[in-house]
């Protein structure tokens, strides 16, 4: 369960189409997606801004395509969008990229060569003297698929998850991890189960079980800015193909929302009786007599960790569709109060 979201998020960072279609791509490399995870940058060297290019006041972006090798080094590099060949900025960008180091991309549990798109930006600052313009430190970024950001919205059952109202019906608690502290609130009528790097809150009634599992593991991606609709679509497709404890889940919706000082991606899915196995933390508490399951899964990144929040409704067998929908509606209100109280504080 805890590995589901990171596996799906690894498919989000898809290769861009090269700008120069006449130049061949570096050979023997996998594109990101379809089971191939994105390399993670661990060391970056800034490109050199040549004096000649500064005097000519050349600024802009160099687009690059490279192969990240299984040992994390950079192999073949090519320029896909040229900025300056006369004064050396293209060459300096290539030299800089060659010095980068990554945590390699993975396929089937093994490191593989992966094709990555990079943009390096040169820009000039204020003039320091009459002979040489000042220059900002050139920046660089690894780019996901482009497009306008998709809207920010909570799942339908969560409403707008607005302001937190003070309530004595919740107990404050903290999940301590090596690189961050995650504070959350437990409803006073719910129970709690602690496990390795995770906590599960749950409650039972005549209609079934509701549970919220909060967990973390090392991130192979970083969520900092809202993603495009095409990325969310890829997210949804990956969720269908990587169901975790669900077999052939039905994807209902995916989205993103700003919360707790960061960006959270989420998806909503369901499965029928016999198409799921109980989440590990609840396996010994759910016996026979249960039917379908409804899940909202959230993920964000902080302090090098992927933080996942799974909100789960497990229906008892024999409930009508109307009774299941009423259980989902009531659970959504409970989950809203729990999720909006989550706060992540990097150490």
Protein backbone atom coordinates (compact mmCIF):
# COMPACT_ATOMS: atom_id res chain seq x y z
CA UNK A 1 0.00 0.00 0.00
CA UNK A 2 2.68 2.49 0.96
CA UNK A 3 4.54 2.00 -2.33
CA UNK A 4 1.53 2.60 -4.57
CA UNK A 5 1.70 6.38 -4.95
CA UNK A 6 5.50 6.65 -5.51
CA UNK A 7 5.26 3.97 -8.19
CA UNK A 8 2.56 5.93 -9.95
CA UNK A 9 4.27 9.30 -9.52
CA UNK A 10 7.41 7.94 -11.18
CA UNK A 11 5.43 7.80 -14.44
CA UNK A 12 4.54 11.51 -14.32
CA UNK A 13 7.83 12.96 -15.51
CA UNK A 14 7.62 12.11 -19.17
CA UNK A 15 10.17 13.00 -21.88
CA UNK A 16 9.56 16.08 -23.96
CA UNK A 17 9.64 16.02 -27.73
CA UNK A 18 13.05 17.17 -28.93
CA UNK A 19 13.18 20.54 -30.64
CA UNK A 20 15.62 19.37 -33.31
CA UNK A 21 13.95 16.42 -35.01
CA UNK A 22 16.83 15.99 -37.49
CA UNK A 23 19.39 15.19 -34.81
CA UNK A 24 19.29 11.60 -33.57
CA UNK A 25 18.50 10.88 -29.93
CA UNK A 26 21.20 9.35 -27.75
CA UNK A 27 21.03 5.57 -28.26
CA UNK A 28 20.18 2.73 -25.89
CA UNK A 29 18.10 4.63 -23.34
CA UNK A 30 14.61 4.16 -21.91
CA UNK A 31 12.05 6.99 -21.89
CA UNK A 32 10.56 7.77 -18.48
CA UNK A 33 7.25 6.03 -17.81
CA UNK A 34 5.77 2.57 -18.36
CA UNK A 35 7.68 1.12 -15.42
CA UNK A 36 10.83 3.24 -15.83
CA UNK A 37 11.36 5.70 -12.95
CA UNK A 38 12.78 9.19 -13.30
CA UNK A 39 16.44 9.76 -12.31
CA UNK A 40 16.86 12.05 -9.28
CA UNK A 41 19.43 14.85 -9.45
CA UNK A 42 21.92 14.71 -6.55
CA UNK A 43 24.72 17.01 -7.79
CA UNK A 44 24.43 19.97 -10.17
CA UNK A 45 27.23 22.09 -11.70
CA UNK A 46 26.24 25.55 -12.95
CA UNK A 47 27.12 26.34 -16.57
CA UNK A 48 29.79 28.94 -17.28
CA UNK A 49 28.68 32.29 -18.76
CA UNK A 50 31.44 33.17 -21.25
CA UNK A 51 32.73 36.75 -21.29
CA UNK A 52 32.09 37.02 -25.03
CA UNK A 53 28.44 36.00 -24.62
CA UNK A 54 28.03 38.47 -21.75
CA UNK A 55 29.45 41.33 -23.83
CA UNK A 56 27.07 40.37 -26.65
CA UNK A 57 24.26 40.32 -24.02
CA UNK A 58 23.08 36.86 -25.09
CA UNK A 59 20.54 35.35 -22.73
CA UNK A 60 17.92 32.65 -22.92
CA UNK A 61 17.53 28.88 -22.64
CA UNK A 62 19.58 25.96 -23.93
CA UNK A 63 17.51 22.78 -24.33
CA UNK A 64 19.42 19.52 -23.82
CA UNK A 65 18.73 15.82 -24.06
CA UNK A 66 20.96 13.33 -22.24
CA UNK A 67 21.22 9.74 -21.12
CA UNK A 68 21.54 9.17 -17.37
CA UNK A 69 23.60 5.99 -17.04
CA UNK A 70 22.97 3.14 -14.56
CA UNK A 71 25.81 4.45 -12.35
CA UNK A 72 24.20 7.92 -12.18
CA UNK A 73 26.69 9.61 -14.51
CA UNK A 74 25.66 11.46 -17.68
CA UNK A 75 26.40 9.73 -20.97
CA UNK A 76 25.52 11.04 -24.42
CA UNK A 77 24.30 14.66 -24.58
CA UNK A 78 22.82 16.61 -27.47
CA UNK A 79 21.47 20.14 -27.86
CA UNK A 80 17.79 20.16 -28.78
CA UNK A 81 17.34 23.96 -28.60
CA UNK A 82 20.37 26.12 -29.39
CA UNK A 83 20.93 29.50 -27.75
CA UNK A 84 24.45 30.44 -28.83
CA UNK A 85 27.04 28.56 -30.89
CA UNK A 86 29.26 31.55 -31.70
CA UNK A 87 30.28 32.48 -28.13
CA UNK A 88 30.15 29.07 -26.50
CA UNK A 89 27.01 29.01 -24.37
CA UNK A 90 25.71 25.79 -25.98
CA UNK A 91 29.08 24.11 -25.38
CA UNK A 92 29.26 25.34 -21.78
CA UNK A 93 25.79 23.93 -21.09
CA UNK A 94 26.87 20.53 -22.45
CA UNK A 95 30.07 20.60 -20.36
CA UNK A 96 28.08 21.46 -17.24
CA UNK A 97 25.51 18.72 -17.79
CA UNK A 98 28.29 16.16 -18.24
CA UNK A 99 29.33 16.88 -14.62
CA UNK A 100 25.89 16.28 -13.12
CA UNK A 101 25.26 13.18 -11.04
CA UNK A 102 21.95 11.39 -10.45
CA UNK A 103 20.35 8.62 -8.53
CA UNK A 104 19.69 6.43 -11.59
CA UNK A 105 16.31 5.56 -13.06
CA UNK A 106 15.04 2.06 -12.39
CA UNK A 107 13.21 -0.61 -14.35
CA UNK A 108 12.09 -3.88 -12.75
CA UNK A 109 14.19 -3.07 -9.69
CA UNK A 110 17.45 -2.53 -11.59
CA UNK A 111 19.19 0.71 -12.71
CA UNK A 112 18.95 1.36 -16.44
CA UNK A 113 20.01 4.14 -18.86
CA UNK A 114 17.20 6.73 -19.02
CA UNK A 115 16.55 9.58 -21.47
CA UNK A 116 16.13 12.95 -19.71
CA UNK A 117 15.32 16.46 -20.97
CA UNK A 118 17.06 19.44 -19.31
CA UNK A 119 16.80 23.22 -19.74
CA UNK A 120 19.66 25.57 -18.74
CA UNK A 121 18.88 29.29 -18.46
CA UNK A 122 21.34 32.17 -18.96
CA UNK A 123 20.21 35.65 -17.94
CA UNK A 124 21.96 38.99 -17.43
CA UNK A 125 21.53 41.16 -14.34
CA UNK A 126 22.25 44.82 -13.73
CA UNK A 127 25.31 46.48 -15.31
CA UNK A 128 28.33 46.55 -12.99
CA UNK A 129 30.56 48.68 -15.23
CA UNK A 130 30.63 49.99 -18.78
CA UNK A 131 32.69 47.15 -20.24
CA UNK A 132 31.10 44.02 -18.76
CA UNK A 133 27.41 43.41 -18.02
CA UNK A 134 26.60 41.74 -14.73
CA UNK A 135 25.18 38.23 -14.92
CA UNK A 136 22.96 36.13 -12.73
CA UNK A 137 24.14 32.63 -11.89
CA UNK A 138 22.80 30.44 -14.70
CA UNK A 139 20.07 28.07 -13.60
CA UNK A 140 18.97 24.67 -14.80
CA UNK A 141 15.89 22.51 -14.51
CA UNK A 142 14.69 19.04 -15.41
CA UNK A 143 11.39 19.53 -17.14
CA UNK A 144 8.20 17.43 -17.00
CA UNK A 145 5.73 17.41 -19.86
CA UNK A 146 4.57 20.95 -20.59
CA UNK A 147 1.12 22.46 -20.67
CA UNK A 148 -0.98 24.82 -18.58
CA UNK A 149 -1.44 23.72 -14.95
CA UNK A 150 -4.62 21.79 -14.21
CA UNK A 151 -7.07 23.42 -11.75
CA UNK A 152 -6.52 23.06 -8.01
CA UNK A 153 -9.46 21.27 -6.38
CA UNK A 154 -10.22 18.82 -3.57
CA UNK A 155 -12.11 15.57 -4.21
CA UNK A 156 -15.86 16.09 -4.48
CA UNK A 157 -16.60 14.29 -1.21
CA UNK A 158 -14.16 16.58 0.64
CA UNK A 159 -15.91 19.82 -0.30
CA UNK A 160 -13.45 22.71 -0.28
CA UNK A 161 -11.64 21.44 2.86
CA UNK A 162 -11.59 24.99 4.15
CA UNK A 163 -10.52 26.48 7.46
CA UNK A 164 -9.89 24.19 10.43
CA UNK A 165 -12.48 24.67 13.15
CA UNK A 166 -11.24 24.13 16.73
CA UNK A 167 -12.67 20.92 18.16
CA UNK A 168 -12.14 18.89 21.30
CA UNK A 169 -13.20 15.81 19.34
CA UNK A 170 -9.65 15.39 18.01
CA UNK A 171 -6.39 14.34 19.67
CA UNK A 172 -3.21 15.95 18.33
CA UNK A 173 -0.33 13.59 17.47
CA UNK A 174 2.97 13.64 15.55
CA UNK A 175 4.66 11.14 13.24
CA UNK A 176 8.39 11.71 13.75
CA UNK A 177 10.68 10.86 10.82
CA UNK A 178 14.44 11.48 10.33
CA UNK A 179 13.95 14.42 7.93
CA UNK A 180 10.51 15.80 8.89
CA UNK A 181 7.76 15.86 11.51
CA UNK A 182 4.17 15.27 10.39
CA UNK A 183 1.45 16.45 12.74
CA UNK A 184 -2.05 15.04 12.45
CA UNK A 185 -5.25 14.84 14.48
CA UNK A 186 -7.04 11.64 15.47
CA UNK A 187 -10.81 11.67 16.02
CA UNK A 188 -11.48 10.81 19.65
CA UNK A 189 -13.77 7.92 18.68
CA UNK A 190 -11.21 6.32 16.32
CA UNK A 191 -8.44 3.81 17.10
CA UNK A 192 -4.80 3.98 16.05
CA UNK A 193 -2.26 1.40 14.85
CA UNK A 194 1.43 2.30 14.56
CA UNK A 195 3.76 0.49 12.18
CA UNK A 196 7.17 1.12 10.61
CA UNK A 197 7.22 4.73 9.30
CA UNK A 198 3.41 4.78 9.20
CA UNK A 199 0.29 5.26 11.29
CA UNK A 200 -3.26 4.06 10.59
CA UNK A 201 -6.39 5.61 12.12
CA UNK A 202 -9.62 3.61 11.82
CA UNK A 203 -13.22 3.31 12.96
CA UNK A 204 -15.97 0.70 12.50
CA UNK A 205 -19.73 0.83 12.45
CA UNK A 206 -22.61 -1.23 11.06
CA UNK A 207 -21.92 -0.12 7.48
CA UNK A 208 -18.19 -0.91 7.41
CA UNK A 209 -14.74 0.45 8.23
CA UNK A 210 -13.14 3.85 7.58
CA UNK A 211 -9.37 4.23 7.79
CA UNK A 212 -6.65 6.82 7.14
CA UNK A 213 -3.08 5.57 6.68
CA UNK A 214 -0.20 8.08 6.70
CA UNK A 215 3.20 6.81 5.54
CA UNK A 216 6.44 7.89 3.92
CA UNK A 217 9.38 6.53 1.95
CA UNK A 218 12.30 8.05 0.00
CA UNK A 219 11.07 10.12 -2.95
CA UNK A 220 12.20 9.63 -6.54
CA UNK A 221 10.46 12.84 -7.63
CA UNK A 222 9.67 16.29 -6.33
CA UNK A 223 6.31 18.09 -6.29
CA UNK A 224 6.81 21.84 -6.21
CA UNK A 225 4.53 23.37 -8.85
CA UNK A 226 1.03 22.49 -10.10
CA UNK A 227 1.19 19.93 -12.91
CA UNK A 228 -0.56 20.00 -16.29
CA UNK A 229 -3.69 18.09 -17.19
CA UNK A 230 -1.65 15.72 -19.36
CA UNK A 231 0.47 14.82 -16.32
CA UNK A 232 -2.67 14.19 -14.26
CA UNK A 233 -4.01 12.02 -17.09
CA UNK A 234 -0.78 10.00 -16.99
CA UNK A 235 -1.17 9.80 -13.22
CA UNK A 236 -4.67 8.35 -13.64
CA UNK A 237 -3.52 5.84 -16.26
CA UNK A 238 -0.67 4.71 -14.02
CA UNK A 239 -3.08 4.32 -11.09
CA UNK A 240 -5.21 1.95 -13.18
CA UNK A 241 -2.16 -0.12 -14.12
CA UNK A 242 -0.59 -0.10 -10.63
CA UNK A 243 -3.47 -0.94 -8.34
CA UNK A 244 -1.44 -2.06 -5.31
CA UNK A 245 -3.87 -3.86 -3.00
CA UNK A 246 -6.68 -3.40 -5.57
CA UNK A 247 -7.25 -5.61 -8.59
CA UNK A 248 -8.49 -3.76 -11.70
CA UNK A 249 -9.55 -0.63 -9.80
CA UNK A 250 -12.10 1.77 -11.26
CA UNK A 251 -10.54 5.24 -11.41
CA UNK A 252 -13.10 7.90 -10.59
CA UNK A 253 -11.12 11.14 -10.63
CA UNK A 254 -7.64 12.66 -10.15
CA UNK A 255 -6.59 16.14 -9.18
CA UNK A 256 -4.21 18.36 -7.22
CA UNK A 257 -4.53 20.78 -4.35
CA UNK A 258 -2.35 23.20 -2.39
CA UNK A 259 -2.26 22.15 1.26
CA UNK A 260 0.09 22.28 4.25
CA UNK A 261 2.50 24.56 2.40
CA UNK A 262 2.96 22.21 -0.55
CA UNK A 263 1.35 20.54 -3.56
CA UNK A 264 -0.63 17.33 -3.10
CA UNK A 265 -1.73 15.10 -5.98
CA UNK A 266 -4.70 12.82 -5.37
CA UNK A 267 -6.81 10.21 -7.05
CA UNK A 268 -10.10 8.51 -6.18
CA UNK A 269 -10.80 4.89 -7.06
CA UNK A 270 -13.03 1.95 -6.15
CA UNK A 271 -13.13 -1.83 -6.46
CA UNK A 272 -15.83 -4.43 -6.01
CA UNK A 273 -15.98 -7.37 -3.64
CA UNK A 274 -13.24 -9.89 -4.38
CA UNK A 275 -11.14 -7.33 -6.29
CA UNK A 276 -9.08 -6.16 -3.31
CA UNK A 277 -7.07 -7.37 -0.35
CA UNK A 278 -7.10 -5.58 2.98
CA UNK A 279 -4.41 -2.95 3.59
CA UNK A 280 -1.68 -4.49 5.80
CA UNK A 281 -2.49 -2.41 8.88
CA UNK A 282 -6.13 -3.56 8.75
CA UNK A 283 -5.71 -7.12 7.50
CA UNK A 284 -6.08 -8.72 10.93
CA UNK A 285 -9.13 -6.56 11.73
CA UNK A 286 -11.15 -7.24 8.60
CA UNK A 287 -12.52 -10.73 8.41
CA UNK A 288 -15.28 -12.05 6.19
CA UNK A 289 -18.45 -10.17 5.47
CA UNK A 290 -16.98 -7.19 3.62
CA UNK A 291 -17.82 -6.06 0.10
CA UNK A 292 -16.32 -3.28 -2.01
CA UNK A 293 -13.79 -0.57 -1.20
CA UNK A 294 -13.50 3.16 -1.97
CA UNK A 295 -10.14 4.98 -1.71
CA UNK A 296 -8.84 8.54 -1.91
CA UNK A 297 -5.03 8.65 -2.08
CA UNK A 298 -2.98 11.81 -1.60
CA UNK A 299 0.79 12.29 -2.08
CA UNK A 300 3.23 15.13 -1.57
CA UNK A 301 6.99 15.43 -1.17
CA UNK A 302 9.02 17.09 1.58
CA UNK A 303 12.59 16.74 2.86
CA UNK A 304 13.39 14.08 0.25
CA UNK A 305 10.42 11.89 1.23
CA UNK A 306 7.20 10.93 -0.55
CA UNK A 307 4.38 11.30 1.97
CA UNK A 308 1.21 9.32 1.24
CA UNK A 309 -2.22 9.59 2.85
CA UNK A 310 -4.75 6.84 2.05
CA UNK A 311 -8.38 7.45 3.01
CA UNK A 312 -10.23 4.14 2.75
CA UNK A 313 -13.89 3.10 3.06
CA UNK A 314 -14.54 -0.65 3.26
CA UNK A 315 -18.20 -1.57 2.73
CA UNK A 316 -19.84 -4.43 4.57
CA UNK A 317 -21.39 -7.04 2.29
CA UNK A 318 -25.06 -6.63 1.43
CA UNK A 319 -25.21 -2.82 1.39
CA UNK A 320 -27.31 -1.33 -1.38
CA UNK A 321 -25.79 1.21 -3.78
CA UNK A 322 -27.65 3.98 -1.94
CA UNK A 323 -26.27 2.79 1.42
CA UNK A 324 -22.73 2.64 0.02
CA UNK A 325 -23.05 6.17 -1.34
CA UNK A 326 -24.29 7.42 2.03
CA UNK A 327 -21.33 5.72 3.74
CA UNK A 328 -18.94 7.39 1.26
CA UNK A 329 -20.58 10.77 1.84
CA UNK A 330 -20.26 10.53 5.63
CA UNK A 331 -16.71 9.18 5.40
CA UNK A 332 -15.74 12.07 3.13
CA UNK A 333 -16.78 14.53 5.82
CA UNK A 334 -14.67 12.67 8.40
CA UNK A 335 -11.68 12.41 6.08
CA UNK A 336 -11.89 16.16 5.34
CA UNK A 337 -11.47 16.96 9.04
CA UNK A 338 -8.48 14.60 9.30
CA UNK A 339 -6.64 15.51 6.08
CA UNK A 340 -6.93 19.28 6.44
CA UNK A 341 -5.29 19.01 9.89
CA UNK A 342 -2.17 17.33 8.47
CA UNK A 343 0.92 19.55 8.49
CA UNK A 344 4.45 18.66 7.35
CA UNK A 345 7.44 20.40 8.92
CA UNK A 346 10.88 19.54 7.45
CA UNK A 347 13.66 19.40 10.04
